[in-house]
Amino acid sequence: MYALAFPAIDPIALELGPLVIRWYSLAYVAGILLGWRYIIILAAKSDIGVDRGHVDDFIIWATLGIILGGRFGYVIFYNPGYFADNPLLIFAMWQGGMSFHGGLIGVILVTWVFVRKKNISFLTFGDMVCAAAPIGLFFGRIANFINGELYGRITDVPWAMVFPRGGSEPRHPSQLYEAGLEGLLLFCVIAAMIYRFNAMARPGLSMGVFMAGYGLSRYIVEFVREPDAHLGTLYGIATMGQLLSLPLIIIGAWLIHRARRQP
């Protein structure tokens, strides 16, 4: 079978003595910083009393929600037994293991606490955060591709690749599928809704589109993404990623329905 050559990019972007900077870490930094700038732009369009100071303060909260939620989500959803036997490894995040769904839960929780302290609308502020979230998803999936991890299942499509960690068989570059769907496409859809159709006037609409859009994108890509070796297909019908995405689709659809009923 024919396969495209996997671009062997060194996962380490910069190494200066004991200091090692990886592309994966830079992806998090880029996603957070660009998302911060985008939220500042969106805040200028809102009339809920959100200023630059609020956004600056929230970035610290969001970073904690992403990192802690993502890590504990991975521990709870993907490998609870292993970490129950090795609790100290929960904090060994440099060894890998982050969950988007856990990170989302973490960001939702810190956002709820933040807006209550600042007396800001949760739905409207959440709309701005969700509008910026695809930026981080895009860079994160590109970093997964550079690391050669989270690759797809064996296939014979013309654009299949042989991943160093995936054996000798060509596989779907599922990281790029997710970067395109969860990142680029979802960002463009929400941005078009905000700038062409004034979606910010309907609190919860952008949040709903993000949740439902991510859930659908992840659910579809999971059909060609290699399941976690220690989990496989759960109950013989779905992967863990698909099961975790179903509530997002349902909640997102409800938020969209709720927002559309508003004048």
Protein backbone atom coordinates (compact mmCIF):
# COMPACT_ATOMS: atom_id res chain seq x y z
CA MET A 1 0.00 0.00 0.00
CA TYR A 2 1.10 3.54 -0.72
CA ALA A 3 1.55 6.00 2.13
CA LEU A 4 2.72 9.56 2.60
CA ALA A 5 5.99 10.10 4.39
CA PHE A 6 5.53 11.19 7.98
CA PRO A 7 7.35 14.50 8.50
CA ALA A 8 9.86 13.60 11.19
CA ILE A 9 9.76 16.83 13.19
CA ASP A 10 11.67 16.75 16.47
CA PRO A 11 9.11 17.04 19.32
CA ILE A 12 11.67 19.20 21.12
CA ALA A 13 11.52 22.73 19.74
CA LEU A 14 14.42 24.11 21.79
CA GLU A 15 16.98 22.57 24.11
CA LEU A 16 19.39 24.69 26.13
CA GLY A 17 21.23 22.53 28.62
CA PRO A 18 18.69 21.30 31.18
CA LEU A 19 15.97 23.51 29.66
CA VAL A 20 13.82 21.54 27.20
CA ILE A 21 10.93 23.22 25.40
CA ARG A 22 8.61 20.94 23.45
CA TRP A 23 6.24 21.82 20.62
CA TYR A 24 3.40 20.42 22.74
CA SER A 25 4.10 22.97 25.47
CA LEU A 26 4.38 25.77 22.90
CA ALA A 27 1.00 24.70 21.49
CA TYR A 28 -0.59 25.28 24.90
CA VAL A 29 1.13 28.66 25.21
CA ALA A 30 0.10 29.73 21.70
CA GLY A 31 -3.49 28.61 22.20
CA ILE A 32 -3.85 30.43 25.51
CA LEU A 33 -2.18 33.67 24.36
CA LEU A 34 -4.05 33.88 21.04
CA GLY A 35 -7.28 32.94 22.77
CA TRP A 36 -6.67 35.71 25.31
CA ARG A 37 -6.22 38.27 22.54
CA TYR A 38 -9.33 37.08 20.75
CA ILE A 39 -11.45 37.29 23.91
CA ILE A 40 -10.26 40.89 24.37
CA ILE A 41 -11.53 41.67 20.86
CA LEU A 42 -14.87 39.98 21.55
CA ALA A 43 -15.23 41.72 24.90
CA ALA A 44 -15.13 45.05 23.07
CA LYS A 45 -18.26 43.93 21.17
CA SER A 46 -20.21 43.01 24.31
CA ASP A 47 -22.13 45.24 26.68
CA ILE A 48 -21.94 43.07 29.80
CA GLY A 49 -19.26 45.08 31.55
CA VAL A 50 -16.28 42.93 30.61
CA ASP A 51 -13.08 44.96 30.33
CA ARG A 52 -9.42 44.21 29.64
CA GLY A 53 -8.74 43.68 33.32
CA HIS A 54 -11.37 40.95 33.57
CA VAL A 55 -9.91 39.10 30.59
CA ASP A 56 -6.36 39.41 31.90
CA ASP A 57 -7.41 38.01 35.27
CA PHE A 58 -9.36 35.17 33.71
CA ILE A 59 -6.38 33.82 31.73
CA ILE A 60 -4.78 32.61 34.96
CA TRP A 61 -8.03 30.92 35.96
CA ALA A 62 -8.45 29.36 32.52
CA THR A 63 -4.89 28.03 32.49
CA LEU A 64 -5.44 26.29 35.82
CA GLY A 65 -8.76 24.88 34.62
CA ILE A 66 -7.22 23.53 31.42
CA ILE A 67 -4.18 21.93 33.04
CA LEU A 68 -5.76 20.56 36.23
CA GLY A 69 -9.03 19.58 34.57
CA GLY A 70 -7.25 18.00 31.61
CA ARG A 71 -4.95 15.96 33.82
CA PHE A 72 -7.52 14.78 36.33
CA GLY A 73 -9.94 14.08 33.48
CA TYR A 74 -7.37 11.76 31.94
CA VAL A 75 -6.78 10.07 35.29
CA ILE A 76 -10.50 9.53 35.96
CA PHE A 77 -11.79 8.79 32.45
CA TYR A 78 -8.94 6.90 30.83
CA ASN A 79 -6.79 5.11 33.42
CA PRO A 80 -8.23 5.24 36.96
CA GLY A 81 -6.94 1.82 37.98
CA TYR A 82 -3.36 2.55 36.98
CA PHE A 83 -3.23 5.87 38.83
CA ALA A 84 -4.96 4.39 41.86
CA ASP A 85 -1.99 2.03 42.12
CA ASN A 86 0.51 4.81 41.29
CA PRO A 87 -0.96 8.01 42.78
CA LEU A 88 2.29 9.99 42.64
CA LEU A 89 2.31 9.63 38.84
CA ILE A 90 -0.85 11.74 38.67
CA PHE A 91 1.42 14.76 38.92
CA ALA A 92 3.95 13.47 36.34
CA MET A 93 2.32 15.45 33.53
CA TRP A 94 5.56 15.56 31.55
CA GLN A 95 4.96 11.88 30.79
CA GLY A 96 1.81 12.79 28.85
CA GLY A 97 -1.87 12.18 29.45
CA MET A 98 -4.41 15.00 29.09
CA SER A 99 -8.14 14.83 28.40
CA PHE A 100 -10.00 17.51 26.47
CA HIS A 101 -13.27 16.65 28.18
CA GLY A 102 -11.61 16.98 31.58
CA GLY A 103 -10.08 20.30 30.55
CA LEU A 104 -13.50 21.53 29.41
CA ILE A 105 -15.04 20.61 32.74
CA GLY A 106 -12.20 22.42 34.49
CA VAL A 107 -12.68 25.58 32.43
CA ILE A 108 -16.46 25.53 32.99
CA LEU A 109 -15.98 25.28 36.74
CA VAL A 110 -13.44 28.09 36.98
CA THR A 111 -15.55 30.25 34.65
CA TRP A 112 -18.58 29.76 36.87
CA VAL A 113 -16.64 30.83 39.96
CA PHE A 114 -14.98 33.74 38.11
CA VAL A 115 -18.16 35.30 36.73
CA ARG A 116 -19.89 35.05 40.10
CA LYS A 117 -17.00 36.92 41.73
CA LYS A 118 -17.03 39.57 39.00
CA ASN A 119 -20.84 39.74 38.61
CA ILE A 120 -20.70 38.92 34.89
CA SER A 121 -23.18 36.94 32.77
CA PHE A 122 -22.03 33.31 32.69
CA LEU A 123 -23.53 32.55 29.27
CA THR A 124 -22.20 35.64 27.52
CA PHE A 125 -18.73 35.32 29.00
CA GLY A 126 -18.84 31.60 28.23
CA ASP A 127 -19.70 32.45 24.62
CA MET A 128 -16.48 34.43 24.32
CA VAL A 129 -14.39 31.68 25.90
CA CYS A 130 -15.92 29.03 23.64
CA ALA A 131 -15.38 31.22 20.56
CA ALA A 132 -11.65 31.26 21.38
CA ALA A 133 -11.36 27.60 22.41
CA PRO A 134 -10.94 26.21 18.85
CA ILE A 135 -7.68 28.15 18.58
CA GLY A 136 -6.15 26.06 21.33
CA LEU A 137 -7.65 22.87 19.91
CA PHE A 138 -6.06 23.55 16.53
CA PHE A 139 -2.56 24.03 17.94
CA GLY A 140 -2.98 21.11 20.32
CA ARG A 141 -3.88 18.67 17.54
CA ILE A 142 -0.99 19.89 15.41
CA ALA A 143 1.29 19.20 18.36
CA ASN A 144 -0.20 15.71 18.66
CA PHE A 145 0.67 15.18 15.00
CA ILE A 146 4.26 16.36 15.53
CA ASN A 147 4.57 13.96 18.46
CA GLY A 148 3.24 11.14 16.29
CA GLU A 149 0.60 10.30 18.93
CA LEU A 150 -3.17 9.83 18.84
CA TYR A 151 -2.85 8.52 15.28
CA GLY A 152 -5.64 6.86 13.35
CA ARG A 153 -6.54 3.31 12.45
CA ILE A 154 -4.96 1.29 9.67
CA THR A 155 -6.24 2.35 6.24
CA ASP A 156 -5.44 2.35 2.54
CA VAL A 157 -6.55 5.91 1.75
CA PRO A 158 -4.05 7.80 -0.47
CA TRP A 159 -3.12 10.23 2.31
CA ALA A 160 -2.37 7.54 4.93
CA MET A 161 0.87 7.82 6.88
CA VAL A 162 3.18 5.43 8.68
CA PHE A 163 3.61 6.78 12.19
CA PRO A 164 6.80 5.80 14.06
CA ARG A 165 4.79 4.75 17.11
CA GLY A 166 2.08 3.01 15.11
CA GLY A 167 3.95 0.14 13.53
CA SER A 168 4.61 -0.41 9.83
CA GLU A 169 1.03 -0.10 8.54
CA PRO A 170 -0.31 3.15 7.01
CA ARG A 171 -2.81 4.94 9.23
CA HIS A 172 -5.25 7.83 9.14
CA PRO A 173 -3.65 11.14 10.20
CA SER A 174 -6.56 11.62 12.59
CA GLN A 175 -4.80 14.45 14.43
CA LEU A 176 -5.06 16.55 11.26
CA TYR A 177 -8.73 15.65 10.86
CA GLU A 178 -9.36 16.94 14.37
CA ALA A 179 -7.27 20.07 13.80
CA GLY A 180 -9.39 20.83 10.76
CA LEU A 181 -12.80 20.04 12.27
CA GLU A 182 -12.48 20.92 15.97
CA GLY A 183 -10.06 23.76 15.34
CA LEU A 184 -10.21 25.57 12.02
CA LEU A 185 -13.77 24.79 10.90
CA LEU A 186 -15.37 25.30 14.31
CA PHE A 187 -13.52 28.60 14.80
CA CYS A 188 -14.70 29.89 11.40
CA VAL A 189 -18.31 28.84 12.01
CA ILE A 190 -18.53 30.57 15.38
CA ALA A 191 -16.68 33.67 14.10
CA ALA A 192 -19.11 33.92 11.16
CA MET A 193 -22.06 33.65 13.54
CA ILE A 194 -20.64 36.42 15.74
CA TYR A 195 -19.59 38.88 13.04
CA ARG A 196 -22.26 38.25 10.40
CA PHE A 197 -25.28 37.26 12.48
CA ASN A 198 -24.59 38.95 15.83
CA ALA A 199 -24.61 35.70 17.79
CA MET A 200 -23.42 37.52 20.92
CA ALA A 201 -26.92 39.00 21.21
CA ARG A 202 -28.21 35.51 22.03
CA PRO A 203 -26.34 34.38 25.18
CA GLY A 204 -25.41 30.72 25.11
CA LEU A 205 -25.60 30.33 21.32
CA SER A 206 -21.86 30.31 20.64
CA MET A 207 -21.30 28.06 23.64
CA GLY A 208 -23.90 25.64 22.36
CA VAL A 209 -22.44 25.59 18.85
CA PHE A 210 -18.98 24.94 20.26
CA MET A 211 -20.10 22.08 22.47
CA ALA A 212 -22.28 20.43 19.85
CA GLY A 213 -19.72 21.08 17.10
CA TYR A 214 -16.84 19.65 19.08
CA GLY A 215 -18.91 16.68 20.22
CA LEU A 216 -19.99 15.82 16.67
CA SER A 217 -16.49 16.33 15.25
CA ARG A 218 -14.87 14.15 17.91
CA TYR A 219 -17.56 11.49 17.62
CA ILE A 220 -17.03 11.22 13.85
CA VAL A 221 -13.23 11.23 13.97
CA GLU A 222 -13.24 8.50 16.63
CA PHE A 223 -14.39 6.06 13.93
CA VAL A 224 -10.96 6.38 12.28
CA ARG A 225 -8.86 7.19 15.36
CA GLU A 226 -7.03 4.33 17.05
CA PRO A 227 -8.65 3.67 20.45
CA ASP A 228 -6.51 3.68 23.58
CA ALA A 229 -4.80 0.29 23.76
CA HIS A 230 -5.87 -0.35 27.37
CA LEU A 231 -9.50 0.63 26.71
CA GLY A 232 -10.36 -0.34 23.16
CA THR A 233 -14.05 -0.11 22.27
CA LEU A 234 -16.24 0.10 25.36
CA TYR A 235 -19.28 -2.17 25.52
CA GLY A 236 -18.47 -3.16 21.95
CA ILE A 237 -20.17 -0.06 20.56
CA ALA A 238 -18.17 3.11 21.18
CA THR A 239 -14.83 4.50 22.30
CA MET A 240 -14.34 6.52 25.46
CA GLY A 241 -14.03 9.67 23.34
CA GLN A 242 -17.42 9.00 21.76
CA LEU A 243 -19.11 8.29 25.08
CA LEU A 244 -17.73 11.50 26.57
CA SER A 245 -18.80 13.49 23.51
CA LEU A 246 -22.47 12.46 23.63
CA PRO A 247 -23.29 14.69 26.65
CA LEU A 248 -21.61 17.62 24.87
CA ILE A 249 -23.81 17.14 21.82
CA ILE A 250 -26.96 17.01 23.98
CA ILE A 251 -26.03 20.03 26.14
CA GLY A 252 -24.92 21.99 23.07
CA ALA A 253 -28.20 21.29 21.27
CA TRP A 254 -30.14 22.41 24.35
CA LEU A 255 -28.15 25.65 24.59
CA ILE A 256 -28.75 26.36 20.89
CA HIS A 257 -32.48 25.72 21.28
CA ARG A 258 -32.62 27.92 24.36
CA ALA A 259 -30.73 30.77 22.67
CA ARG A 260 -32.88 30.67 19.54
CA ARG A 261 -36.03 31.09 21.62
CA GLN A 262 -34.75 34.40 22.97
CA PRO A 263 -35.89 37.59 21.22
